[in-house]
Amino acid sequence: MKKSVRLYVNGTVQGVFFRMFVKENAERNNVKGFIRNLEDGRVEVFLEGDFDDVNKMIELCKKGPKHSMIKNVEIKPEKFQDFKVFKILHI
């Protein structure tokens, strides 16, 4: 079963390799989508793939890499868009 979600991650997530951490884990878990910094200091993550793989990625996003401090993760269900890769986007 496929699953798509959009996350808004709040906390110390910019400048701590959060985007690269998520991209590497998404590729390892066969999850597609994108990640980007937002101007308000949050990070937006769009994840889609198999149900269990996406859930695994949500948990990884709640923890983050070594120097991040995740305060809050807002999760919104999304329509499946059939992304082919996982990309880091720049505003």
Protein backbone atom coordinates (compact mmCIF):
# COMPACT_ATOMS: atom_id res chain seq x y z
CA MET A 1 0.00 0.00 0.00
CA LYS A 2 1.28 3.45 -0.94
CA LYS A 3 1.37 6.47 1.35
CA SER A 4 2.11 10.18 0.85
CA VAL A 5 2.60 12.79 3.56
CA ARG A 6 3.86 16.34 3.91
CA LEU A 7 5.82 17.18 7.06
CA TYR A 8 6.62 20.56 8.52
CA VAL A 9 9.58 20.16 10.88
CA ASN A 10 10.21 22.80 13.54
CA GLY A 11 13.30 23.24 15.71
CA THR A 12 17.02 23.41 15.02
CA VAL A 13 16.84 21.90 11.55
CA GLN A 14 18.62 24.35 9.28
CA GLY A 15 22.42 24.32 9.14
CA VAL A 16 22.76 20.88 10.80
CA PHE A 17 22.72 18.68 7.66
CA PHE A 18 19.04 17.82 8.23
CA ARG A 19 18.19 17.90 4.51
CA MET A 20 21.09 15.60 3.56
CA PHE A 21 20.24 13.26 6.46
CA VAL A 22 16.65 12.95 5.21
CA LYS A 23 17.70 12.54 1.55
CA GLU A 24 20.19 9.76 2.36
CA ASN A 25 17.64 7.89 4.49
CA ALA A 26 14.88 8.35 1.90
CA GLU A 27 17.10 6.83 -0.79
CA ARG A 28 18.08 3.98 1.58
CA ASN A 29 14.38 3.30 2.30
CA ASN A 30 13.17 3.70 -1.31
CA VAL A 31 11.06 6.77 -0.45
CA LYS A 32 10.57 9.51 -3.06
CA GLY A 33 9.66 13.20 -2.78
CA PHE A 34 11.51 16.33 -1.74
CA ILE A 35 12.81 18.42 1.13
CA ARG A 36 13.40 22.16 1.36
CA ASN A 37 14.08 24.90 3.88
CA LEU A 38 11.28 27.39 4.39
CA GLU A 39 11.82 31.08 5.01
CA ASP A 40 10.24 30.84 8.49
CA GLY A 41 12.98 28.44 9.69
CA ARG A 42 10.99 25.22 9.28
CA VAL A 43 11.80 22.42 6.86
CA GLU A 44 9.14 21.00 4.54
CA VAL A 45 9.41 17.30 3.64
CA PHE A 46 7.22 15.48 1.12
CA LEU A 47 7.47 11.70 1.44
CA GLU A 48 5.83 8.98 -0.62
CA GLY A 49 6.35 5.28 -1.05
CA ASP A 50 5.33 2.03 0.59
CA PHE A 51 3.34 2.50 3.81
CA ASP A 52 6.00 1.02 6.16
CA ASP A 53 8.88 2.86 4.46
CA VAL A 54 7.14 6.24 4.77
CA ASN A 55 6.32 5.56 8.42
CA LYS A 56 10.00 4.71 9.03
CA MET A 57 10.98 8.04 7.43
CA ILE A 58 8.50 9.97 9.60
CA GLU A 59 10.16 8.51 12.70
CA LEU A 60 13.63 9.43 11.38
CA CYS A 61 12.43 13.00 10.72
CA LYS A 62 11.19 13.23 14.32
CA LYS A 63 14.70 12.35 15.56
CA GLY A 64 16.88 14.08 12.96
CA PRO A 65 20.65 13.96 12.67
CA LYS A 66 23.10 14.34 15.54
CA HIS A 67 23.07 18.15 15.98
CA SER A 68 19.38 18.81 15.26
CA MET A 69 16.79 19.54 17.94
CA ILE A 70 13.32 18.68 16.68
CA LYS A 71 10.59 20.57 18.55
CA ASN A 72 7.54 19.65 16.47
CA VAL A 73 6.62 17.68 13.34
CA GLU A 74 3.29 18.54 11.71
CA ILE A 75 2.08 15.69 9.48
CA LYS A 76 -0.48 16.16 6.70
CA PRO A 77 -1.75 13.33 4.46
CA GLU A 78 -1.29 14.04 0.75
CA LYS A 79 -2.43 12.63 -2.59
CA PHE A 80 0.09 10.21 -4.14
CA GLN A 81 2.05 12.06 -6.87
CA ASP A 82 4.37 9.28 -8.13
CA PHE A 83 7.71 11.06 -7.67
CA LYS A 84 10.61 9.20 -9.31
CA VAL A 85 13.44 10.42 -7.02
CA PHE A 86 14.04 12.24 -3.74
CA LYS A 87 15.37 15.78 -4.22
CA ILE A 88 16.67 18.63 -2.10
CA LEU A 89 14.95 21.76 -3.39
CA HIS A 90 16.19 25.32 -2.96
CA ILE A 91 13.90 28.33 -2.62
